[in-house]
């Protein structure tokens, strides 16, 4: 949910207090929290540093102050564009436009910004997202799958058609694809003081899934490493190395594996009533704060979508169609600065793959449908990228993959159209079976991405290294297809 904005009077009061007591090196967490909520991020940083430098805060207070200071820095990075910079981007993308149009875009939050330190600062992807919003409104009328046909959409449709026609309707894994992956994470020079140990967690594939087999490690840099057990819900390979002054620190893993497609024709399978006392039902129909929460809005909306339907397959179908018809794919803010992602999606009618998945999962769980997070990478040729999807549990069948943001496909054949509602292609890298799980070994500082894990995580004894302090790159070579 959005934080309430503090009024101008409070902002003025905080500024006056700051000016009157410049010699005081300590402020309460209430002051810092109020400054944060009002967008006075410079005050947040200044006051937080004063308290931390004084060294008199207890561990609980210190943790809260560090969190607020860290959040302030992350927000600044996501909302870095000035009005002048956005103006140039808008003119380049759309040409001339009226002031009335600009006001409308901002009022609807299509051109996303925040007021930081009294000035408008725009989301880095605000202009490209505005373009996606316009395209989505024009090409995605309610109940339609007449989307713009591109090369990738055609590739997915042809692949899913092949999966359906290869005796895949009963969930049998088919159409395997072998891949060789090289993943490199590079910490920028002098991000960590010379000689200090850099701790790095990199994504590592699960091996217990029918859709992912034959995982083989080929090489790591550095050579010494620790692979988390397959029971870890967010699986990683951990490495360390000392920082060297003036030089970047590189971590690299190389492995091969086989990814396999899967499709369930649920109309042909015997789906049983749920055992509401089972561990699976209880765990995967529960709330998971702060992102999977049954708010009144979620309850009312999902009830209005599902109606009187009691069949779990029909419930899922109705939820899937509603999100397909009402939510446009756009680039996302970093999840760590979004207090309640499903609420953001509903308010703005947009979101990326993980945001749409969290909305679907929240509504499905509220409706008594066990739903589980799954994510890692989409590995399609020329489309390798971070990606999130989910699995739905049907009693008598088991876990069935569902990719919310891959949407309904442009086909008159219902199985092909609804493929990603109960199937998945053979171009996946499964890293996560949950959100917000602990790493092995455990991370000491707050994560850069507190929910998902795809890019990696890095820290040293002085704190976490955020995404702006390191880079990542994945290279993929394909075998049999």
Protein backbone atom coordinates (compact mmCIF):
# COMPACT_ATOMS: atom_id res chain seq x y z
CA UNK A 1 0.00 0.00 0.00
CA UNK A 2 1.16 3.55 -0.62
CA UNK A 3 2.49 5.55 2.29
CA UNK A 4 0.45 8.67 3.11
CA UNK A 5 2.22 11.85 2.14
CA UNK A 6 3.07 14.25 4.96
CA UNK A 7 1.72 17.76 4.51
CA UNK A 8 3.74 20.82 3.59
CA UNK A 9 3.54 22.17 7.15
CA UNK A 10 5.38 19.15 8.50
CA UNK A 11 8.04 19.41 5.80
CA UNK A 12 8.55 23.09 6.63
CA UNK A 13 8.73 22.27 10.34
CA UNK A 14 11.37 19.60 9.74
CA UNK A 15 13.46 21.96 7.63
CA UNK A 16 13.23 24.72 10.26
CA UNK A 17 14.19 22.31 13.02
CA UNK A 18 17.14 21.14 10.94
CA UNK A 19 18.34 24.70 10.44
CA UNK A 20 17.87 25.74 14.07
CA UNK A 21 19.75 22.79 15.50
CA UNK A 22 22.58 22.24 13.06
CA UNK A 23 24.95 21.56 15.95
CA UNK A 24 22.95 18.61 17.21
CA UNK A 25 24.24 15.34 15.78
CA UNK A 26 21.29 13.18 16.78
CA UNK A 27 17.70 12.88 15.64
CA UNK A 28 15.02 10.37 16.56
CA UNK A 29 13.80 7.65 14.23
CA UNK A 30 10.44 9.45 14.26
CA UNK A 31 12.12 12.47 12.64
CA UNK A 32 13.81 10.32 10.02
CA UNK A 33 10.66 8.33 9.28
CA UNK A 34 8.65 11.56 8.85
CA UNK A 35 11.29 12.97 6.52
CA UNK A 36 11.27 9.73 4.51
CA UNK A 37 7.49 9.75 4.12
CA UNK A 38 7.51 13.38 2.99
CA UNK A 39 10.19 12.75 0.35
CA UNK A 40 12.92 14.69 2.15
CA UNK A 41 15.54 12.09 1.35
CA UNK A 42 18.53 14.37 1.87
CA UNK A 43 17.41 14.88 5.47
CA UNK A 44 17.00 11.13 5.85
CA UNK A 45 20.60 10.56 4.79
CA UNK A 46 21.97 13.48 6.85
CA UNK A 47 20.15 12.58 10.06
CA UNK A 48 20.78 8.86 9.70
CA UNK A 49 24.50 9.48 9.28
CA UNK A 50 24.49 11.71 12.39
CA UNK A 51 22.94 9.01 14.56
CA UNK A 52 25.13 6.25 13.19
CA UNK A 53 28.29 8.34 13.58
CA UNK A 54 27.41 9.11 17.20
CA UNK A 55 27.26 5.37 17.83
CA UNK A 56 24.71 5.64 20.64
CA UNK A 57 21.74 3.93 18.98
CA UNK A 58 20.72 0.47 20.15
CA UNK A 59 20.74 -2.40 17.65
CA UNK A 60 17.00 -2.17 16.87
CA UNK A 61 17.15 1.59 16.25
CA UNK A 62 20.32 1.22 14.22
CA UNK A 63 18.71 -1.41 12.01
CA UNK A 64 15.68 0.80 11.32
CA UNK A 65 17.87 3.82 10.54
CA UNK A 66 20.04 1.79 8.18
CA UNK A 67 16.91 0.53 6.41
CA UNK A 68 15.52 4.05 5.90
CA UNK A 69 18.86 5.39 4.68
CA UNK A 70 19.23 2.44 2.33
CA UNK A 71 15.68 2.89 1.00
CA UNK A 72 16.33 6.59 0.39
CA UNK A 73 19.36 5.72 -1.73
CA UNK A 74 17.49 3.08 -3.71
CA UNK A 75 14.60 5.46 -4.45
CA UNK A 76 17.01 8.10 -5.68
CA UNK A 77 18.54 5.60 -8.12
CA UNK A 78 15.16 4.54 -9.51
CA UNK A 79 13.86 8.13 -9.73
CA UNK A 80 16.92 9.87 -11.12
CA UNK A 81 15.50 11.82 -14.10
CA UNK A 82 14.89 15.55 -13.86
CA UNK A 83 11.98 17.33 -15.58
CA UNK A 84 14.37 18.61 -18.25
CA UNK A 85 15.71 15.12 -18.97
CA UNK A 86 12.21 13.66 -19.20
CA UNK A 87 11.11 16.50 -21.47
CA UNK A 88 13.87 15.63 -23.94
CA UNK A 89 12.98 11.94 -23.86
CA UNK A 90 9.27 12.67 -24.39
CA UNK A 91 9.92 14.90 -27.40
CA UNK A 92 12.26 12.33 -28.90
CA UNK A 93 9.73 9.53 -28.43
CA UNK A 94 6.42 11.31 -29.10
CA UNK A 95 7.26 14.61 -30.78
CA UNK A 96 5.17 17.61 -29.78
CA UNK A 97 2.44 17.20 -27.16
CA UNK A 98 0.21 19.52 -25.20
CA UNK A 99 0.54 20.53 -21.57
CA UNK A 100 -2.93 19.05 -20.99
CA UNK A 101 -1.64 15.68 -22.19
CA UNK A 102 1.38 15.91 -19.89
CA UNK A 103 -0.87 16.71 -16.91
CA UNK A 104 -3.08 13.72 -17.76
CA UNK A 105 -0.09 11.36 -18.03
CA UNK A 106 1.20 12.44 -14.64
CA UNK A 107 -2.22 12.46 -12.97
CA UNK A 108 -2.82 8.85 -14.10
CA UNK A 109 0.73 7.94 -13.01
CA UNK A 110 1.49 6.82 -16.56
CA UNK A 111 4.48 9.15 -16.45
CA UNK A 112 5.69 8.06 -13.04
CA UNK A 113 7.45 10.45 -10.70
CA UNK A 114 8.00 11.26 -7.04
CA UNK A 115 8.66 14.56 -5.33
CA UNK A 116 12.13 14.22 -3.78
CA UNK A 117 13.60 17.09 -1.78
CA UNK A 118 10.89 19.36 -3.19
CA UNK A 119 11.57 18.53 -6.86
CA UNK A 120 9.93 16.16 -9.32
CA UNK A 121 12.13 13.19 -10.07
CA UNK A 122 10.95 10.72 -12.71
CA UNK A 123 11.30 6.95 -12.83
CA UNK A 124 14.19 5.95 -15.09
CA UNK A 125 11.82 3.96 -17.30
CA UNK A 126 8.91 6.41 -17.14
CA UNK A 127 9.01 7.35 -20.83
CA UNK A 128 9.49 3.82 -22.17
CA UNK A 129 6.69 2.65 -19.86
CA UNK A 130 4.41 5.40 -21.16
CA UNK A 131 5.00 4.05 -24.66
CA UNK A 132 4.16 0.52 -23.48
CA UNK A 133 0.98 1.78 -21.81
CA UNK A 134 -0.17 3.46 -25.03
CA UNK A 135 0.63 0.32 -27.06
CA UNK A 136 -1.17 -1.91 -24.56
CA UNK A 137 -4.28 0.25 -24.58
CA UNK A 138 -4.42 0.18 -28.36
CA UNK A 139 -3.57 -3.49 -28.99
CA UNK A 140 -5.22 -5.23 -26.05
CA UNK A 141 -8.98 -4.64 -25.96
CA UNK A 142 -10.89 -6.57 -23.32
CA UNK A 143 -11.17 -10.29 -24.02
CA UNK A 144 -8.97 -10.11 -27.10
CA UNK A 145 -5.82 -11.98 -28.04
CA UNK A 146 -5.26 -10.01 -31.25
CA UNK A 147 -1.90 -8.82 -30.01
CA UNK A 148 0.87 -7.48 -32.18
CA UNK A 149 2.49 -10.55 -33.73
CA UNK A 150 6.25 -10.44 -33.38
CA UNK A 151 9.05 -12.94 -33.88
CA UNK A 152 9.15 -13.97 -30.22
CA UNK A 153 5.37 -14.46 -29.99
CA UNK A 154 5.51 -16.63 -33.08
CA UNK A 155 8.38 -18.65 -31.63
CA UNK A 156 6.42 -19.31 -28.42
CA UNK A 157 3.28 -20.29 -30.31
CA UNK A 158 5.09 -22.75 -32.58
CA UNK A 159 6.97 -24.24 -29.63
CA UNK A 160 3.84 -24.67 -27.51
CA UNK A 161 1.99 -26.23 -30.46
CA UNK A 162 4.79 -28.77 -30.76
CA UNK A 163 4.65 -29.50 -27.03
CA UNK A 164 0.89 -30.03 -27.09
CA UNK A 165 1.17 -32.37 -30.07
CA UNK A 166 3.99 -34.45 -28.54
CA UNK A 167 1.92 -36.43 -26.07
CA UNK A 168 2.31 -33.65 -23.58
CA UNK A 169 -1.30 -33.26 -22.45
CA UNK A 170 -0.89 -35.41 -19.32
CA UNK A 171 2.01 -33.39 -17.94
CA UNK A 172 4.74 -35.65 -19.27
CA UNK A 173 7.95 -33.59 -19.76
CA UNK A 174 8.73 -33.28 -23.48
CA UNK A 175 10.91 -31.41 -26.00
CA UNK A 176 14.15 -31.15 -23.96
CA UNK A 177 16.70 -28.42 -24.71
CA UNK A 178 20.33 -28.64 -23.60
CA UNK A 179 22.09 -25.42 -22.63
CA UNK A 180 25.54 -24.33 -21.55
CA UNK A 181 25.48 -21.26 -19.31
CA UNK A 182 28.25 -18.83 -18.38
CA UNK A 183 27.23 -16.37 -15.69
CA UNK A 184 29.54 -13.56 -14.65
CA UNK A 185 29.16 -11.02 -11.85
CA UNK A 186 31.66 -8.17 -11.69
CA UNK A 187 32.01 -5.90 -8.67
CA UNK A 188 33.16 -2.44 -9.70
CA UNK A 189 36.65 -1.29 -8.81
CA UNK A 190 36.95 0.19 -5.31
CA UNK A 191 33.34 -0.63 -4.39
CA UNK A 192 35.00 -2.48 -1.49
CA UNK A 193 38.19 -1.30 0.27
CA UNK A 194 41.44 -2.98 -0.69
CA UNK A 195 41.99 -6.32 1.04
CA UNK A 196 38.44 -6.65 2.37
CA UNK A 197 36.58 -9.90 1.63
CA UNK A 198 33.78 -9.74 -0.93
CA UNK A 199 30.98 -12.25 -0.32
CA UNK A 200 28.98 -13.23 -3.41
CA UNK A 201 25.88 -15.37 -4.00
CA UNK A 202 25.09 -16.29 -7.61
CA UNK A 203 21.99 -18.06 -9.01
CA UNK A 204 22.21 -21.84 -9.22
CA UNK A 205 19.67 -24.22 -10.82
CA UNK A 206 17.37 -26.51 -8.88
CA UNK A 207 17.73 -30.21 -9.67
CA UNK A 208 14.59 -31.74 -8.16
CA UNK A 209 12.20 -30.63 -10.92
CA UNK A 210 11.02 -32.90 -13.71
CA UNK A 211 11.49 -29.93 -16.04
CA UNK A 212 15.16 -29.38 -15.17
CA UNK A 213 17.72 -32.18 -15.24
CA UNK A 214 21.38 -33.06 -15.78
CA UNK A 215 22.83 -30.04 -14.00
CA UNK A 216 26.64 -30.19 -14.23
CA UNK A 217 29.12 -27.66 -12.90
CA UNK A 218 31.99 -27.02 -15.30
CA UNK A 219 33.96 -24.25 -13.62
CA UNK A 220 33.90 -21.46 -11.05
CA UNK A 221 36.03 -18.36 -10.53
CA UNK A 222 37.26 -18.33 -7.79
CA UNK A 223 37.67 -22.11 -7.61
CA UNK A 224 36.53 -22.47 -3.99
CA UNK A 225 32.74 -22.38 -3.77
CA UNK A 226 29.73 -23.65 -1.82
CA UNK A 227 26.56 -24.83 -3.57
CA UNK A 228 23.41 -24.61 -1.47
CA UNK A 229 21.51 -27.91 -1.10
CA UNK A 230 18.67 -28.54 -3.50
CA UNK A 231 16.27 -28.18 -0.57
CA UNK A 232 17.05 -24.44 -0.46
CA UNK A 233 14.02 -22.66 -1.88
CA UNK A 234 16.23 -19.97 -3.39
CA UNK A 235 19.30 -21.81 -4.58
CA UNK A 236 22.74 -20.25 -4.91
CA UNK A 237 26.44 -20.87 -5.32
CA UNK A 238 28.55 -18.88 -2.85
CA UNK A 239 32.10 -17.57 -3.35
CA UNK A 240 34.52 -15.12 -1.75
CA UNK A 241 37.55 -13.15 -2.85
CA UNK A 242 39.54 -10.17 -1.56
CA UNK A 243 39.10 -6.74 -3.12
CA UNK A 244 42.10 -5.24 -4.91
CA UNK A 245 42.54 -1.48 -5.12
CA UNK A 246 41.71 -0.06 -8.54
CA UNK A 247 40.59 -3.43 -9.93
CA UNK A 248 37.14 -4.97 -10.45
CA UNK A 249 36.42 -8.32 -8.77
CA UNK A 250 35.02 -10.99 -11.08
CA UNK A 251 32.96 -14.03 -10.05
CA UNK A 252 31.99 -16.60 -12.69
CA UNK A 253 30.16 -19.91 -12.91
CA UNK A 254 29.81 -22.19 -15.91
CA UNK A 255 27.43 -25.13 -16.08
CA UNK A 256 25.27 -27.22 -18.38
CA UNK A 257 21.72 -28.44 -17.84
CA UNK A 258 18.63 -29.65 -19.67
CA UNK A 259 15.32 -27.79 -19.62
CA UNK A 260 12.10 -29.59 -20.54
CA UNK A 261 8.62 -28.38 -21.50
CA UNK A 262 5.42 -29.51 -19.83
CA UNK A 263 1.72 -29.23 -20.62
CA UNK A 264 -1.39 -30.37 -18.77
CA UNK A 265 -4.76 -30.64 -20.50
CA UNK A 266 -6.75 -30.15 -17.30
CA UNK A 267 -10.04 -30.91 -19.02
CA UNK A 268 -8.83 -34.51 -19.48
CA UNK A 269 -7.49 -35.03 -15.95
CA UNK A 270 -9.28 -36.09 -12.78
CA UNK A 271 -8.98 -33.20 -10.37
CA UNK A 272 -10.05 -34.01 -6.83
CA UNK A 273 -11.38 -31.74 -4.07
CA UNK A 274 -8.66 -30.18 -1.93
CA UNK A 275 -7.69 -31.67 1.40
CA UNK A 276 -7.85 -28.44 3.37
CA UNK A 277 -5.98 -30.07 6.28
CA UNK A 278 -2.92 -30.95 4.17
CA UNK A 279 0.42 -29.18 4.62
CA UNK A 280 0.49 -28.11 0.97
CA UNK A 281 -2.95 -26.52 1.16
CA UNK A 282 -2.24 -24.68 4.40
CA UNK A 283 1.15 -23.35 3.28
CA UNK A 284 0.25 -22.30 -0.23
CA UNK A 285 -3.13 -20.72 0.47
CA UNK A 286 -1.72 -18.57 3.28
CA UNK A 287 -0.75 -14.92 3.28
CA UNK A 288 2.95 -14.10 3.13
CA UNK A 289 3.68 -10.60 4.35
CA UNK A 290 4.40 -8.06 3.03
CA UNK A 291 3.62 -9.01 -0.59
CA UNK A 292 0.93 -11.70 -0.45
CA UNK A 293 -1.78 -10.07 1.68
CA UNK A 294 -5.56 -10.47 1.48
CA UNK A 295 -6.57 -6.83 1.59
CA UNK A 296 -10.22 -5.82 1.26
CA UNK A 297 -9.52 -4.72 -2.30
CA UNK A 298 -8.01 -8.11 -3.18
CA UNK A 299 -10.92 -9.95 -1.58
CA UNK A 300 -13.61 -7.89 -3.28
CA UNK A 301 -11.97 -7.96 -6.69
CA UNK A 302 -11.19 -11.67 -6.73
CA UNK A 303 -14.71 -12.48 -5.49
CA UNK A 304 -16.21 -10.36 -8.26
CA UNK A 305 -14.03 -12.10 -10.86
CA UNK A 306 -14.63 -15.66 -9.66
CA UNK A 307 -18.30 -15.21 -8.79
CA UNK A 308 -20.08 -18.41 -7.79
CA UNK A 309 -17.53 -20.70 -9.46
CA UNK A 310 -16.27 -23.50 -7.19
CA UNK A 311 -14.21 -25.51 -9.69
CA UNK A 312 -10.51 -24.69 -9.10
CA UNK A 313 -9.64 -24.86 -12.82
CA UNK A 314 -12.41 -22.41 -13.66
CA UNK A 315 -11.34 -20.10 -10.81
CA UNK A 316 -7.79 -20.00 -12.14
CA UNK A 317 -9.04 -19.43 -15.67
CA UNK A 318 -11.18 -16.46 -14.66
CA UNK A 319 -8.34 -14.86 -12.71
CA UNK A 320 -5.89 -15.44 -15.57
CA UNK A 321 -8.23 -13.92 -18.15
CA UNK A 322 -8.92 -10.89 -15.96
CA UNK A 323 -5.24 -10.10 -15.47
CA UNK A 324 -4.55 -10.76 -19.16
CA UNK A 325 -7.28 -8.28 -20.12
CA UNK A 326 -6.65 -5.57 -17.54
CA UNK A 327 -2.93 -5.47 -16.71
CA UNK A 328 -0.36 -4.12 -19.18
CA UNK A 329 3.25 -5.30 -19.05
CA UNK A 330 5.64 -2.48 -18.16
CA UNK A 331 9.10 -2.19 -16.66
CA UNK A 332 9.16 -2.31 -12.87
CA UNK A 333 10.57 -0.30 -10.04
CA UNK A 334 13.00 -2.27 -7.94
CA UNK A 335 10.81 -4.51 -5.79
CA UNK A 336 12.64 -3.48 -2.62
CA UNK A 337 11.10 0.03 -2.78
CA UNK A 338 7.54 -1.22 -3.34
CA UNK A 339 5.71 -1.79 -0.02
CA UNK A 340 2.84 -3.85 -1.53
CA UNK A 341 3.29 -4.92 -5.14
CA UNK A 342 -0.21 -6.34 -5.89
CA UNK A 343 -1.73 -3.07 -4.64
CA UNK A 344 0.52 -1.11 -6.99
CA UNK A 345 -0.51 -3.32 -9.92
CA UNK A 346 -4.22 -2.87 -9.23
CA UNK A 347 -3.93 0.89 -8.77
CA UNK A 348 -1.92 1.42 -11.96
CA UNK A 349 -3.18 -1.51 -14.08
CA UNK A 350 0.35 -2.42 -15.07
CA UNK A 351 3.36 -4.42 -13.92
CA UNK A 352 6.14 -6.73 -15.04
CA UNK A 353 6.19 -10.54 -14.87
CA UNK A 354 6.82 -10.81 -11.13
CA UNK A 355 4.28 -8.13 -10.27
CA UNK A 356 1.58 -9.83 -12.32
CA UNK A 357 2.52 -13.17 -10.79
CA UNK A 358 2.25 -11.83 -7.24
CA UNK A 359 -1.19 -10.41 -8.02
CA UNK A 360 -2.34 -13.72 -9.48
CA UNK A 361 -0.94 -15.71 -6.56
CA UNK A 362 -2.53 -13.43 -3.98
CA UNK A 363 -5.99 -13.69 -5.54
CA UNK A 364 -5.63 -17.43 -6.16
CA UNK A 365 -4.58 -18.14 -2.57
CA UNK A 366 -7.46 -16.07 -1.24
CA UNK A 367 -9.76 -18.21 -3.38
CA UNK A 368 -8.38 -21.39 -1.80
CA UNK A 369 -6.14 -22.33 -4.74
CA UNK A 370 -2.61 -23.35 -3.65
CA UNK A 371 -0.14 -21.24 -5.66
CA UNK A 372 3.66 -21.23 -5.48
CA UNK A 373 6.24 -18.74 -6.74
CA UNK A 374 8.78 -19.92 -9.27
CA UNK A 375 11.41 -17.84 -11.03
CA UNK A 376 14.85 -17.59 -12.51
CA UNK A 377 15.49 -16.82 -16.15
CA UNK A 378 13.71 -17.14 -19.48
CA UNK A 379 16.27 -18.74 -21.79
CA UNK A 380 14.69 -18.35 -25.22
CA UNK A 381 17.15 -17.62 -28.05
CA UNK A 382 17.71 -13.86 -28.31
CA UNK A 383 15.33 -13.29 -25.38
CA UNK A 384 17.43 -14.36 -22.37
CA UNK A 385 16.25 -12.35 -19.37
CA UNK A 386 15.12 -12.40 -15.76
CA UNK A 387 11.67 -13.93 -15.44
CA UNK A 388 9.04 -14.91 -12.85
CA UNK A 389 6.12 -17.30 -13.12
CA UNK A 390 4.25 -19.67 -10.78
CA UNK A 391 2.85 -23.13 -10.19
CA UNK A 392 -0.69 -24.07 -9.16
CA UNK A 393 -1.47 -27.22 -7.19
CA UNK A 394 -4.43 -29.35 -8.29
CA UNK A 395 -5.26 -32.27 -6.04
CA UNK A 396 -4.89 -35.53 -7.95
CA UNK A 397 -2.61 -33.94 -10.54
CA UNK A 398 0.13 -32.11 -8.63
CA UNK A 399 1.95 -28.87 -9.36
CA UNK A 400 1.07 -27.33 -12.73
CA UNK A 401 3.12 -24.44 -14.23
CA UNK A 402 1.40 -21.15 -15.00
CA UNK A 403 3.09 -18.12 -16.59
CA UNK A 404 0.89 -15.08 -16.01
CA UNK A 405 2.81 -12.50 -18.02
CA UNK A 406 3.23 -14.69 -21.11
CA UNK A 407 -0.51 -14.21 -21.47
CA UNK A 408 -3.05 -15.74 -23.82
CA UNK A 409 -1.54 -16.57 -27.19
CA UNK A 410 -2.85 -15.37 -30.54
CA UNK A 411 -4.45 -18.61 -31.68
CA UNK A 412 -7.98 -19.82 -32.43
CA UNK A 413 -7.08 -23.21 -30.95
CA UNK A 414 -8.08 -23.02 -27.28
CA UNK A 415 -5.24 -25.28 -26.09
CA UNK A 416 -2.66 -23.13 -27.84
CA UNK A 417 -4.31 -19.93 -26.69
CA UNK A 418 -4.35 -21.02 -23.04
CA UNK A 419 -1.05 -22.92 -23.10
CA UNK A 420 0.65 -20.81 -20.43
CA UNK A 421 -2.29 -21.28 -18.09
CA UNK A 422 -1.34 -24.94 -17.55
CA UNK A 423 1.95 -25.38 -19.38
CA UNK A 424 5.41 -24.00 -19.85
CA UNK A 425 8.04 -24.02 -22.57
CA UNK A 426 11.45 -25.72 -22.51
CA UNK A 427 13.42 -22.49 -22.18
CA UNK A 428 13.60 -21.90 -18.44
CA UNK A 429 16.20 -21.78 -15.70
CA UNK A 430 14.55 -22.53 -12.35
CA UNK A 431 16.39 -20.88 -9.45
CA UNK A 432 13.58 -20.11 -6.97
CA UNK A 433 10.61 -22.02 -5.59
CA UNK A 434 9.66 -19.29 -3.14
CA UNK A 435 10.19 -15.64 -2.28
CA UNK A 436 12.30 -14.24 0.55
CA UNK A 437 14.07 -17.46 1.54
CA UNK A 438 17.38 -17.49 3.43
CA UNK A 439 20.64 -18.10 1.62
CA UNK A 440 23.18 -20.77 2.52
CA UNK A 441 25.44 -19.46 3.95
CA UNK A 442 23.17 -16.79 5.39
CA UNK A 443 23.51 -13.18 4.28
CA UNK A 444 24.40 -10.72 7.05
CA UNK A 445 23.01 -7.52 5.53
CA UNK A 446 19.76 -6.55 3.80
CA UNK A 447 19.45 -7.94 0.30
CA UNK A 448 19.40 -5.81 -2.83
CA UNK A 449 16.32 -7.78 -3.91
CA UNK A 450 14.52 -9.00 -0.77
CA UNK A 451 11.96 -11.21 -2.54
CA UNK A 452 13.34 -12.63 -5.77
CA UNK A 453 16.85 -13.93 -6.56
CA UNK A 454 18.06 -13.91 -10.16
CA UNK A 455 20.96 -11.48 -10.57
CA UNK A 456 22.93 -12.29 -7.45
CA UNK A 457 23.69 -10.70 -4.08
CA UNK A 458 26.96 -9.18 -2.87
CA UNK A 459 28.20 -7.80 0.45
CA UNK A 460 31.29 -7.20 2.58
CA UNK A 461 31.69 -6.60 6.30
CA UNK A 462 30.79 -2.93 5.75
CA UNK A 463 27.36 -3.68 4.28
CA UNK A 464 25.40 -4.76 1.23
CA UNK A 465 26.52 -3.87 -2.29
CA UNK A 466 23.53 -2.61 -4.27
CA UNK A 467 22.95 -3.20 -7.98
CA UNK A 468 24.68 0.04 -9.01
CA UNK A 469 27.94 -1.29 -7.54
CA UNK A 470 28.23 -4.38 -9.73
CA UNK A 471 27.27 -5.76 -13.14
CA UNK A 472 26.10 -9.16 -14.36
CA UNK A 473 26.04 -10.99 -17.68
CA UNK A 474 24.67 -14.33 -18.83
CA UNK A 475 25.79 -16.14 -22.00
CA UNK A 476 23.93 -19.18 -23.32
CA UNK A 477 24.95 -21.82 -25.86
CA UNK A 478 22.24 -24.19 -27.12
CA UNK A 479 22.53 -27.89 -27.80
CA UNK A 480 19.68 -30.06 -29.07
CA UNK A 481 16.43 -28.22 -29.75
